[in-house]
Amino acid sequence: MKTRRKNKILKEIAAQEAERLIQSGCQAKVHKMVDENCYVVTSNNNAGELTIFIDRLEGPYHTCLTKNVSN
Protein backbone atom coordinates (compact mmCIF):
# COMPACT_ATOMS: atom_id res chain seq x y z
CA MET A 1 0.00 0.00 0.00
CA LYS A 2 1.33 3.43 -0.89
CA THR A 3 2.38 5.69 1.96
CA ARG A 4 -0.03 8.48 1.03
CA ARG A 5 -3.00 6.08 1.02
CA LYS A 6 -1.91 4.49 4.30
CA ASN A 7 -1.56 7.92 5.96
CA LYS A 8 -5.06 8.86 4.83
CA ILE A 9 -6.48 5.66 6.36
CA LEU A 10 -4.51 6.18 9.60
CA LYS A 11 -5.87 9.73 9.83
CA GLU A 12 -9.43 8.41 9.41
CA ILE A 13 -8.86 5.80 12.14
CA ALA A 14 -7.44 8.47 14.46
CA ALA A 15 -10.48 10.66 13.82
CA GLN A 16 -12.79 7.75 14.67
CA GLU A 17 -10.92 7.09 17.93
CA ALA A 18 -11.09 10.79 18.83
CA GLU A 19 -14.83 10.87 18.11
CA ARG A 20 -15.35 7.86 20.37
CA LEU A 21 -13.54 9.66 23.20
CA ILE A 22 -15.52 12.87 22.60
CA GLN A 23 -18.78 10.92 22.80
CA SER A 24 -17.70 9.59 26.19
CA GLY A 25 -17.31 13.15 27.50
CA CYS A 26 -13.58 13.75 27.03
CA GLN A 27 -11.77 16.43 25.05
CA ALA A 28 -9.74 14.83 22.25
CA LYS A 29 -7.32 16.04 19.56
CA VAL A 30 -5.58 14.34 16.65
CA HIS A 31 -1.94 15.15 15.87
CA LYS A 32 0.38 13.94 13.10
CA MET A 33 3.79 12.87 14.34
CA VAL A 34 6.58 14.66 12.49
CA ASP A 35 8.75 12.41 10.31
CA GLU A 36 6.66 9.34 11.19
CA ASN A 37 3.78 7.51 9.55
CA CYS A 38 1.76 7.76 12.73
CA TYR A 39 -1.11 9.79 14.20
CA VAL A 40 -1.55 10.48 17.90
CA VAL A 41 -4.89 10.97 19.65
CA THR A 42 -4.66 12.81 22.96
CA SER A 43 -7.54 13.08 25.38
CA ASN A 44 -7.83 14.99 28.64
CA ASN A 45 -10.29 14.64 31.48
CA ASN A 46 -10.17 15.14 35.25
CA ALA A 47 -8.52 11.77 35.87
CA GLY A 48 -5.58 12.22 33.47
CA GLU A 49 -4.39 12.22 29.91
CA LEU A 50 -4.84 9.31 27.49
CA THR A 51 -2.59 9.03 24.44
CA ILE A 52 -3.31 6.58 21.62
CA PHE A 53 -0.69 5.95 18.92
CA ILE A 54 -2.32 5.03 15.60
CA ASP A 55 0.54 3.44 13.65
CA ARG A 56 -1.14 0.45 12.02
CA LEU A 57 -4.34 -0.25 10.13
CA GLU A 58 -5.80 -2.61 12.74
CA GLY A 59 -5.82 -2.52 16.55
CA PRO A 60 -4.90 -3.01 19.27
CA TYR A 61 -3.09 0.33 19.32
CA HIS A 62 -0.37 1.46 21.72
CA THR A 63 -1.83 3.56 24.54
CA CYS A 64 -0.42 5.55 27.44
CA LEU A 65 -2.41 6.84 30.43
CA THR A 66 -0.93 9.58 32.61
CA LYS A 67 -2.73 10.44 35.84
CA ASN A 68 -3.10 14.07 36.91
CA VAL A 69 -1.30 14.91 40.13
CA SER A 70 -3.02 17.40 42.47
CA ASN A 71 -0.82 19.96 44.17
C-alpha atoms as a PDB file:
ATOM      1  CA  MET A   1       0.000   0.000   0.000  1.00  0.00           C
ATOM      2  CA  LYS A   2       1.332   3.428  -0.894  1.00  0.00           C
ATOM      3  CA  THR A   3       2.383   5.691   1.959  1.00  0.00           C
ATOM      4  CA  ARG A   4      -0.027   8.485   1.027  1.00  0.00           C
ATOM      5  CA  ARG A   5      -2.998   6.085   1.020  1.00  0.00           C
ATOM      6  CA  LYS A   6      -1.909   4.493   4.299  1.00  0.00           C
ATOM      7  CA  ASN A   7      -1.555   7.918   5.963  1.00  0.00           C
ATOM      8  CA  LYS A   8      -5.060   8.858   4.828  1.00  0.00           C
ATOM      9  CA  ILE A   9      -6.480   5.661   6.358  1.00  0.00           C
ATOM     10  CA  LEU A  10      -4.505   6.182   9.596  1.00  0.00           C
ATOM     11  CA  LYS A  11      -5.865   9.732   9.832  1.00  0.00           C
ATOM     12  CA  GLU A  12      -9.429   8.411   9.414  1.00  0.00           C
ATOM     13  CA  ILE A  13      -8.860   5.795  12.137  1.00  0.00           C
ATOM     14  CA  ALA A  14      -7.438   8.467  14.462  1.00  0.00           C
ATOM     15  CA  ALA A  15     -10.485  10.665  13.822  1.00  0.00           C
ATOM     16  CA  GLN A  16     -12.790   7.745  14.671  1.00  0.00           C
ATOM     17  CA  GLU A  17     -10.918   7.090  17.932  1.00  0.00           C
ATOM     18  CA  ALA A  18     -11.090  10.793  18.830  1.00  0.00           C
ATOM     19  CA  GLU A  19     -14.832  10.874  18.105  1.00  0.00           C
ATOM     20  CA  ARG A  20     -15.345   7.856  20.366  1.00  0.00           C
ATOM     21  CA  LEU A  21     -13.538   9.665  23.195  1.00  0.00           C
ATOM     22  CA  ILE A  22     -15.519  12.871  22.599  1.00  0.00           C
ATOM     23  CA  GLN A  23     -18.778  10.919  22.798  1.00  0.00           C
ATOM     24  CA  SER A  24     -17.702   9.594  26.195  1.00  0.00           C
ATOM     25  CA  GLY A  25     -17.305  13.152  27.504  1.00  0.00           C
ATOM     26  CA  CYS A  26     -13.581  13.755  27.031  1.00  0.00           C
ATOM     27  CA  GLN A  27     -11.767  16.429  25.052  1.00  0.00           C
ATOM     28  CA  ALA A  28      -9.737  14.834  22.249  1.00  0.00           C
ATOM     29  CA  LYS A  29      -7.325  16.042  19.559  1.00  0.00           C
ATOM     30  CA  VAL A  30      -5.581  14.336  16.646  1.00  0.00           C
ATOM     31  CA  HIS A  31      -1.937  15.149  15.874  1.00  0.00           C
ATOM     32  CA  LYS A  32       0.378  13.936  13.101  1.00  0.00           C
ATOM     33  CA  MET A  33       3.794  12.870  14.343  1.00  0.00           C
ATOM     34  CA  VAL A  34       6.580  14.660  12.493  1.00  0.00           C
ATOM     35  CA  ASP A  35       8.753  12.410  10.306  1.00  0.00           C
ATOM     36  CA  GLU A  36       6.665   9.335  11.187  1.00  0.00           C
ATOM     37  CA  ASN A  37       3.776   7.511   9.551  1.00  0.00           C
ATOM     38  CA  CYS A  38       1.756   7.765  12.726  1.00  0.00           C
ATOM     39  CA  TYR A  39      -1.108   9.785  14.204  1.00  0.00           C
ATOM     40  CA  VAL A  40      -1.553  10.484  17.902  1.00  0.00           C
ATOM     41  CA  VAL A  41      -4.890  10.975  19.646  1.00  0.00           C
ATOM     42  CA  THR A  42      -4.658  12.810  22.964  1.00  0.00           C
ATOM     43  CA  SER A  43      -7.540  13.078  25.376  1.00  0.00           C
ATOM     44  CA  ASN A  44      -7.833  14.991  28.640  1.00  0.00           C
ATOM     45  CA  ASN A  45     -10.294  14.636  31.479  1.00  0.00           C
ATOM     46  CA  ASN A  46     -10.166  15.143  35.245  1.00  0.00           C
ATOM     47  CA  ALA A  47      -8.517  11.768  35.868  1.00  0.00           C
ATOM     48  CA  GLY A  48      -5.583  12.225  33.475  1.00  0.00           C
ATOM     49  CA  GLU A  49      -4.392  12.221  29.905  1.00  0.00           C
ATOM     50  CA  LEU A  50      -4.843   9.311  27.490  1.00  0.00           C
ATOM     51  CA  THR A  51      -2.589   9.027  24.438  1.00  0.00           C
ATOM     52  CA  ILE A  52      -3.309   6.580  21.617  1.00  0.00           C
ATOM     53  CA  PHE A  53      -0.689   5.952  18.918  1.00  0.00           C
ATOM     54  CA  ILE A  54      -2.324   5.035  15.599  1.00  0.00           C
ATOM     55  CA  ASP A  55       0.538   3.443  13.646  1.00  0.00           C
ATOM     56  CA  ARG A  56      -1.139   0.445  12.022  1.00  0.00           C
ATOM     57  CA  LEU A  57      -4.338  -0.247  10.128  1.00  0.00           C
ATOM     58  CA  GLU A  58      -5.799  -2.605  12.743  1.00  0.00           C
ATOM     59  CA  GLY A  59      -5.818  -2.522  16.548  1.00  0.00           C
ATOM     60  CA  PRO A  60      -4.898  -3.012  19.266  1.00  0.00           C
ATOM     61  CA  TYR A  61      -3.092   0.333  19.320  1.00  0.00           C
ATOM     62  CA  HIS A  62      -0.370   1.464  21.718  1.00  0.00           C
ATOM     63  CA  THR A  63      -1.827   3.564  24.541  1.00  0.00           C
ATOM     64  CA  CYS A  64      -0.419   5.547  27.435  1.00  0.00           C
ATOM     65  CA  LEU A  65      -2.408   6.840  30.426  1.00  0.00           C
ATOM     66  CA  THR A  66      -0.929   9.582  32.607  1.00  0.00           C
ATOM     67  CA  LYS A  67      -2.728  10.443  35.842  1.00  0.00           C
ATOM     68  CA  ASN A  68      -3.103  14.068  36.909  1.00  0.00           C
ATOM     69  CA  VAL A  69      -1.303  14.915  40.134  1.00  0.00           C
ATOM     70  CA  SER A  70      -3.023  17.397  42.466  1.00  0.00           C
ATOM     71  CA  ASN A  71      -0.816  19.956  44.173  1.00  0.00           C
END
